[in-house]
């Protein structure tokens, strides 16, 4: 009898990460769940647009901070928080 596959834990974005108080270089929001949602234009894993994903490596720390703040806002909207 075949066994059901074991669930693989998926990485998640830290719930307590604050880009405004983070010290040092800002980490990439990528959690290796790279699927673009056509209806929103956002990655299902990190909630970035394709332009934000492509430009991440060349973005300034100020630009990365702005992207992180946009992600946090998007995640709040996606979870129903206002």
C-alpha atoms as a PDB file:
ATOM      1  CA  UNK A   1       0.000   0.000   0.000  1.00  0.00           C
ATOM      2  CA  UNK A   2       1.533   3.397  -0.996  1.00  0.00           C
ATOM      3  CA  UNK A   3       2.207   5.807   1.832  1.00  0.00           C
ATOM      4  CA  UNK A   4       0.999   9.369   1.765  1.00  0.00           C
ATOM      5  CA  UNK A   5       3.831  11.867   1.307  1.00  0.00           C
ATOM      6  CA  UNK A   6       5.012  13.546   4.460  1.00  0.00           C
ATOM      7  CA  UNK A   7       4.135  17.230   4.639  1.00  0.00           C
ATOM      8  CA  UNK A   8       7.104  19.468   3.930  1.00  0.00           C
ATOM      9  CA  UNK A   9       7.243  22.548   6.130  1.00  0.00           C
ATOM     10  CA  UNK A  10       7.196  25.683   4.011  1.00  0.00           C
ATOM     11  CA  UNK A  11       9.304  28.663   4.979  1.00  0.00           C
ATOM     12  CA  UNK A  12       7.365  31.682   6.103  1.00  0.00           C
ATOM     13  CA  UNK A  13       8.121  35.331   6.398  1.00  0.00           C
ATOM     14  CA  UNK A  14       8.892  36.396   9.953  1.00  0.00           C
ATOM     15  CA  UNK A  15       5.822  37.823  11.652  1.00  0.00           C
ATOM     16  CA  UNK A  16       7.875  40.159  13.853  1.00  0.00           C
ATOM     17  CA  UNK A  17      10.253  41.562  11.242  1.00  0.00           C
ATOM     18  CA  UNK A  18      10.360  45.364  11.304  1.00  0.00           C
ATOM     19  CA  UNK A  19      12.237  46.976   8.402  1.00  0.00           C
ATOM     20  CA  UNK A  20      12.234  50.312  10.215  1.00  0.00           C
ATOM     21  CA  UNK A  21      14.250  49.035  13.185  1.00  0.00           C
ATOM     22  CA  UNK A  22      16.262  46.275  11.481  1.00  0.00           C
ATOM     23  CA  UNK A  23      20.013  46.722  11.860  1.00  0.00           C
ATOM     24  CA  UNK A  24      22.314  45.969   8.935  1.00  0.00           C
ATOM     25  CA  UNK A  25      21.460  44.961   5.389  1.00  0.00           C
ATOM     26  CA  UNK A  26      17.817  44.176   4.812  1.00  0.00           C
ATOM     27  CA  UNK A  27      17.210  40.515   3.948  1.00  0.00           C
ATOM     28  CA  UNK A  28      15.387  39.440   0.825  1.00  0.00           C
ATOM     29  CA  UNK A  29      11.698  38.756   1.408  1.00  0.00           C
ATOM     30  CA  UNK A  30      11.923  35.646  -0.823  1.00  0.00           C
ATOM     31  CA  UNK A  31      10.727  32.442   0.857  1.00  0.00           C
ATOM     32  CA  UNK A  32      11.263  30.222  -2.230  1.00  0.00           C
ATOM     33  CA  UNK A  33       7.567  29.980  -3.026  1.00  0.00           C
ATOM     34  CA  UNK A  34       7.807  31.758  -6.356  1.00  0.00           C
ATOM     35  CA  UNK A  35       4.415  31.799  -8.052  1.00  0.00           C
ATOM     36  CA  UNK A  36       3.049  34.959  -9.617  1.00  0.00           C
ATOM     37  CA  UNK A  37      -0.698  35.521  -9.248  1.00  0.00           C
ATOM     38  CA  UNK A  38      -2.029  37.096 -12.451  1.00  0.00           C
ATOM     39  CA  UNK A  39      -5.041  38.719 -10.771  1.00  0.00           C
ATOM     40  CA  UNK A  40      -2.879  40.653  -8.271  1.00  0.00           C
ATOM     41  CA  UNK A  41       0.479  40.805 -10.047  1.00  0.00           C
ATOM     42  CA  UNK A  42       2.122  39.651  -6.808  1.00  0.00           C
ATOM     43  CA  UNK A  43       4.248  36.654  -5.895  1.00  0.00           C
ATOM     44  CA  UNK A  44       2.285  34.284  -3.641  1.00  0.00           C
ATOM     45  CA  UNK A  45       5.327  33.732  -1.436  1.00  0.00           C
ATOM     46  CA  UNK A  46       6.819  37.166  -0.843  1.00  0.00           C
ATOM     47  CA  UNK A  47       4.021  39.506  -2.004  1.00  0.00           C
ATOM     48  CA  UNK A  48       6.335  41.462  -4.303  1.00  0.00           C
ATOM     49  CA  UNK A  49       5.635  42.627  -7.836  1.00  0.00           C
ATOM     50  CA  UNK A  50       7.835  41.305 -10.632  1.00  0.00           C
ATOM     51  CA  UNK A  51       9.545  44.715 -10.854  1.00  0.00           C
ATOM     52  CA  UNK A  52      10.346  44.602  -7.133  1.00  0.00           C
ATOM     53  CA  UNK A  53      11.726  41.064  -7.478  1.00  0.00           C
ATOM     54  CA  UNK A  54      13.880  41.894 -10.497  1.00  0.00           C
ATOM     55  CA  UNK A  55      15.172  45.134  -8.984  1.00  0.00           C
ATOM     56  CA  UNK A  56      15.876  43.811  -5.482  1.00  0.00           C
ATOM     57  CA  UNK A  57      19.589  43.109  -5.946  1.00  0.00           C
ATOM     58  CA  UNK A  58      20.296  46.600  -7.290  1.00  0.00           C
ATOM     59  CA  UNK A  59      17.944  48.485  -4.946  1.00  0.00           C
ATOM     60  CA  UNK A  60      19.357  50.795  -2.294  1.00  0.00           C
ATOM     61  CA  UNK A  61      18.669  50.017   1.361  1.00  0.00           C
ATOM     62  CA  UNK A  62      16.098  52.831   1.273  1.00  0.00           C
ATOM     63  CA  UNK A  63      14.441  51.194  -1.738  1.00  0.00           C
ATOM     64  CA  UNK A  64      14.482  47.773  -0.058  1.00  0.00           C
ATOM     65  CA  UNK A  65      12.946  49.285   3.066  1.00  0.00           C
ATOM     66  CA  UNK A  66      10.162  50.789   0.933  1.00  0.00           C
ATOM     67  CA  UNK A  67       9.524  47.378  -0.653  1.00  0.00           C
ATOM     68  CA  UNK A  68       9.389  45.716   2.782  1.00  0.00           C
ATOM     69  CA  UNK A  69       6.893  48.331   3.989  1.00  0.00           C
ATOM     70  CA  UNK A  70       4.744  47.733   0.902  1.00  0.00           C
ATOM     71  CA  UNK A  71       4.874  43.965   1.546  1.00  0.00           C
ATOM     72  CA  UNK A  72       3.751  44.433   5.137  1.00  0.00           C
ATOM     73  CA  UNK A  73       0.850  46.577   3.959  1.00  0.00           C
ATOM     74  CA  UNK A  74      -0.087  44.029   1.283  1.00  0.00           C
ATOM     75  CA  UNK A  75       0.050  41.155   3.770  1.00  0.00           C
ATOM     76  CA  UNK A  76      -2.244  43.072   6.128  1.00  0.00           C
ATOM     77  CA  UNK A  77      -4.698  43.711   3.318  1.00  0.00           C
ATOM     78  CA  UNK A  78      -4.521  40.073   2.173  1.00  0.00           C
ATOM     79  CA  UNK A  79      -5.315  38.811   5.684  1.00  0.00           C
ATOM     80  CA  UNK A  80      -8.298  41.145   5.984  1.00  0.00           C
ATOM     81  CA  UNK A  81      -6.729  43.603   8.420  1.00  0.00           C
ATOM     82  CA  UNK A  82      -7.420  47.255   7.807  1.00  0.00           C
END
